[in-house]
């Protein structure tokens, strides 16, 4: 995903949920999905997507944008 697409995704996510990428990182840390700044090795993308769909009604594209961003931040 390029930065233009991510910006558009995150603007839509913010409008829908009121949350920023930093907010989602904090929430993922509280759930144990992110540990020491990285997505935990035992967390599958589908687990992450399911959480975002159930708790925030986000579709796969929006969930993928969040997952991708958190994964890149952990590198």
N, C-alpha and C. Protein backbone atom coordinates (compact mmCIF):
# COMPACT_ATOMS: atom_id res chain seq x y z
N UNK A 1 0.85 -1.18 0.00
CA UNK A 1 0.00 0.00 0.00
C UNK A 1 0.89 1.24 0.00
N UNK A 2 0.55 2.18 -0.84
CA UNK A 2 1.35 3.39 -0.83
C UNK A 2 0.77 4.38 0.17
N UNK A 3 1.54 5.43 0.46
CA UNK A 3 1.15 6.37 1.51
C UNK A 3 -0.14 7.12 1.19
N UNK A 4 -0.42 7.37 -0.10
CA UNK A 4 -1.66 8.07 -0.46
C UNK A 4 -2.87 7.20 -0.11
N UNK A 5 -2.81 5.92 -0.46
CA UNK A 5 -3.91 5.01 -0.12
C UNK A 5 -4.08 4.90 1.38
N UNK A 6 -2.97 4.79 2.10
CA UNK A 6 -3.05 4.67 3.56
C UNK A 6 -3.66 5.91 4.18
N UNK A 7 -3.28 7.07 3.69
CA UNK A 7 -3.85 8.31 4.22
C UNK A 7 -5.36 8.34 4.04
N UNK A 8 -5.82 7.93 2.87
CA UNK A 8 -7.26 7.90 2.61
C UNK A 8 -7.95 6.87 3.50
N UNK A 9 -7.35 5.70 3.65
CA UNK A 9 -7.91 4.68 4.53
C UNK A 9 -8.00 5.21 5.95
N UNK A 10 -6.92 5.82 6.43
CA UNK A 10 -6.92 6.27 7.82
C UNK A 10 -7.86 7.45 8.05
N UNK A 11 -8.07 8.26 7.06
CA UNK A 11 -9.06 9.34 7.19
C UNK A 11 -10.46 8.74 7.34
N UNK A 12 -10.76 7.73 6.52
CA UNK A 12 -12.06 7.06 6.62
C UNK A 12 -12.21 6.31 7.95
N UNK A 13 -11.15 5.67 8.38
CA UNK A 13 -11.17 4.95 9.66
C UNK A 13 -11.42 5.94 10.80
N UNK A 14 -10.74 7.08 10.77
CA UNK A 14 -10.91 8.08 11.82
C UNK A 14 -12.35 8.60 11.84
N UNK A 15 -12.91 8.83 10.66
CA UNK A 15 -14.30 9.30 10.59
C UNK A 15 -15.26 8.27 11.15
N UNK A 16 -15.01 7.01 10.87
CA UNK A 16 -15.91 5.94 11.30
C UNK A 16 -15.76 5.61 12.79
N UNK A 17 -14.52 5.61 13.29
CA UNK A 17 -14.26 5.14 14.65
C UNK A 17 -13.83 6.22 15.62
N UNK A 18 -13.36 7.36 15.07
CA UNK A 18 -12.80 8.40 15.93
C UNK A 18 -11.39 8.08 16.41
N UNK A 19 -10.78 7.05 15.83
CA UNK A 19 -9.47 6.60 16.29
C UNK A 19 -8.39 6.80 15.22
N UNK A 20 -7.19 7.06 15.70
CA UNK A 20 -6.01 7.25 14.86
C UNK A 20 -5.18 5.96 14.86
N UNK A 21 -4.18 5.87 13.99
CA UNK A 21 -3.30 4.70 14.04
C UNK A 21 -2.66 4.52 15.42
N UNK A 22 -2.28 5.62 16.06
CA UNK A 22 -1.69 5.52 17.41
C UNK A 22 -2.69 4.95 18.40
N UNK A 23 -3.96 5.33 18.27
CA UNK A 23 -5.00 4.78 19.15
C UNK A 23 -5.11 3.27 18.95
N UNK A 24 -5.10 2.83 17.69
CA UNK A 24 -5.21 1.40 17.42
C UNK A 24 -3.98 0.65 17.94
N UNK A 25 -2.82 1.27 17.88
CA UNK A 25 -1.62 0.63 18.43
C UNK A 25 -1.79 0.41 19.93
N UNK A 26 -2.27 1.43 20.63
CA UNK A 26 -2.47 1.30 22.08
C UNK A 26 -3.51 0.21 22.40
N UNK A 27 -4.60 0.19 21.65
CA UNK A 27 -5.62 -0.82 21.86
C UNK A 27 -5.09 -2.23 21.57
N UNK A 28 -4.29 -2.36 20.51
CA UNK A 28 -3.70 -3.65 20.16
C UNK A 28 -2.72 -4.10 21.25
N UNK A 29 -2.00 -3.16 21.84
CA UNK A 29 -1.09 -3.50 22.95
C UNK A 29 -1.89 -4.02 24.14
N UNK A 30 -3.01 -3.36 24.46
CA UNK A 30 -3.84 -3.80 25.58
C UNK A 30 -4.41 -5.19 25.35
N UNK A 31 -4.71 -5.53 24.09
CA UNK A 31 -5.24 -6.86 23.76
C UNK A 31 -4.15 -7.92 23.68
N UNK A 32 -2.89 -7.50 23.69
CA UNK A 32 -1.78 -8.43 23.57
C UNK A 32 -1.42 -8.75 22.13
N UNK A 33 -2.01 -8.02 21.19
CA UNK A 33 -1.69 -8.23 19.78
C UNK A 33 -0.36 -7.59 19.40
N UNK A 34 0.02 -6.53 20.11
CA UNK A 34 1.30 -5.86 19.89
C UNK A 34 2.07 -5.92 21.20
N UNK A 35 3.30 -6.43 21.12
CA UNK A 35 4.16 -6.58 22.28
C UNK A 35 5.52 -5.99 21.94
N UNK A 36 6.00 -5.10 22.80
CA UNK A 36 7.30 -4.44 22.57
C UNK A 36 7.35 -3.77 21.20
N UNK A 37 6.24 -3.17 20.80
CA UNK A 37 6.18 -2.43 19.55
C UNK A 37 6.00 -3.24 18.30
N UNK A 38 5.91 -4.58 18.44
CA UNK A 38 5.76 -5.45 17.27
C UNK A 38 4.51 -6.30 17.41
N UNK A 39 3.93 -6.68 16.29
CA UNK A 39 2.82 -7.61 16.33
C UNK A 39 3.34 -8.93 16.89
N UNK A 40 2.66 -9.43 17.90
CA UNK A 40 3.09 -10.66 18.56
C UNK A 40 3.16 -11.81 17.57
N UNK A 41 4.18 -12.65 17.69
CA UNK A 41 4.37 -13.73 16.71
C UNK A 41 3.23 -14.74 16.66
N UNK A 42 2.48 -14.87 17.74
CA UNK A 42 1.38 -15.84 17.76
C UNK A 42 0.08 -15.27 17.18
N UNK A 43 0.08 -14.00 16.80
CA UNK A 43 -1.12 -13.35 16.27
C UNK A 43 -1.13 -13.48 14.75
N UNK A 44 -2.19 -14.10 14.26
CA UNK A 44 -2.36 -14.23 12.82
C UNK A 44 -3.13 -13.01 12.31
N UNK A 45 -2.89 -12.61 11.06
CA UNK A 45 -3.65 -11.48 10.51
C UNK A 45 -5.16 -11.67 10.65
N UNK A 46 -5.64 -12.89 10.49
CA UNK A 46 -7.08 -13.12 10.59
C UNK A 46 -7.61 -12.81 11.99
N UNK A 47 -6.81 -13.08 13.03
CA UNK A 47 -7.21 -12.74 14.40
C UNK A 47 -7.35 -11.23 14.54
N UNK A 48 -6.41 -10.53 13.98
CA UNK A 48 -6.39 -9.07 14.01
C UNK A 48 -7.60 -8.50 13.27
N UNK A 49 -7.85 -9.03 12.07
CA UNK A 49 -8.98 -8.56 11.26
C UNK A 49 -10.31 -8.83 11.97
N UNK A 50 -10.43 -10.00 12.59
CA UNK A 50 -11.66 -10.36 13.30
C UNK A 50 -11.92 -9.37 14.44
N UNK A 51 -10.90 -9.03 15.20
CA UNK A 51 -11.03 -8.06 16.29
C UNK A 51 -11.53 -6.72 15.77
N UNK A 52 -10.92 -6.22 14.70
CA UNK A 52 -11.31 -4.92 14.17
C UNK A 52 -12.72 -4.93 13.58
N UNK A 53 -13.12 -6.06 13.02
CA UNK A 53 -14.48 -6.17 12.49
C UNK A 53 -15.50 -6.21 13.63
N UNK A 54 -15.23 -7.03 14.64
CA UNK A 54 -16.18 -7.19 15.74
C UNK A 54 -16.29 -5.94 16.60
N UNK A 55 -15.15 -5.33 16.90
CA UNK A 55 -15.16 -4.19 17.83
C UNK A 55 -15.40 -2.84 17.16
N UNK A 56 -15.04 -2.72 15.88
CA UNK A 56 -15.11 -1.41 15.22
C UNK A 56 -15.86 -1.44 13.89
N UNK A 57 -16.37 -2.60 13.49
CA UNK A 57 -17.10 -2.77 12.25
C UNK A 57 -16.27 -2.33 11.03
N UNK A 58 -14.97 -2.60 11.09
CA UNK A 58 -14.09 -2.26 9.98
C UNK A 58 -13.98 -3.45 9.03
N UNK A 59 -13.97 -3.14 7.75
CA UNK A 59 -13.83 -4.17 6.73
C UNK A 59 -12.37 -4.60 6.58
N UNK A 60 -12.18 -5.57 5.72
CA UNK A 60 -10.85 -6.14 5.51
C UNK A 60 -9.81 -5.10 5.03
N UNK A 61 -10.21 -4.22 4.12
CA UNK A 61 -9.27 -3.22 3.61
C UNK A 61 -8.79 -2.28 4.71
N UNK A 62 -9.72 -1.82 5.53
CA UNK A 62 -9.34 -0.93 6.62
C UNK A 62 -8.50 -1.67 7.66
N UNK A 63 -8.89 -2.91 7.96
CA UNK A 63 -8.13 -3.70 8.91
C UNK A 63 -6.72 -3.98 8.39
N UNK A 64 -6.62 -4.24 7.10
CA UNK A 64 -5.31 -4.48 6.49
C UNK A 64 -4.43 -3.24 6.59
N UNK A 65 -5.00 -2.08 6.39
CA UNK A 65 -4.23 -0.83 6.51
C UNK A 65 -3.67 -0.67 7.91
N UNK A 66 -4.49 -0.95 8.91
CA UNK A 66 -4.03 -0.84 10.30
C UNK A 66 -2.96 -1.90 10.58
N UNK A 67 -3.23 -3.12 10.20
CA UNK A 67 -2.27 -4.22 10.42
C UNK A 67 -0.94 -3.91 9.74
N UNK A 68 -0.99 -3.50 8.50
CA UNK A 68 0.22 -3.19 7.73
C UNK A 68 1.03 -2.09 8.43
N UNK A 69 0.34 -1.05 8.87
CA UNK A 69 1.01 0.07 9.53
C UNK A 69 1.68 -0.37 10.82
N UNK A 70 1.00 -1.16 11.62
CA UNK A 70 1.59 -1.63 12.87
C UNK A 70 2.74 -2.57 12.61
N UNK A 71 2.62 -3.40 11.59
CA UNK A 71 3.70 -4.33 11.24
C UNK A 71 4.96 -3.55 10.80
N UNK A 72 4.76 -2.51 10.00
CA UNK A 72 5.89 -1.69 9.53
C UNK A 72 6.53 -0.92 10.67
N UNK A 73 5.73 -0.44 11.61
CA UNK A 73 6.26 0.30 12.76
C UNK A 73 7.13 -0.58 13.63
N UNK A 74 6.83 -1.88 13.64
CA UNK A 74 7.60 -2.81 14.47
C UNK A 74 8.94 -3.19 13.90
N UNK A 75 9.20 -2.86 12.65
CA UNK A 75 10.47 -3.21 12.02
C UNK A 75 11.58 -2.29 12.41
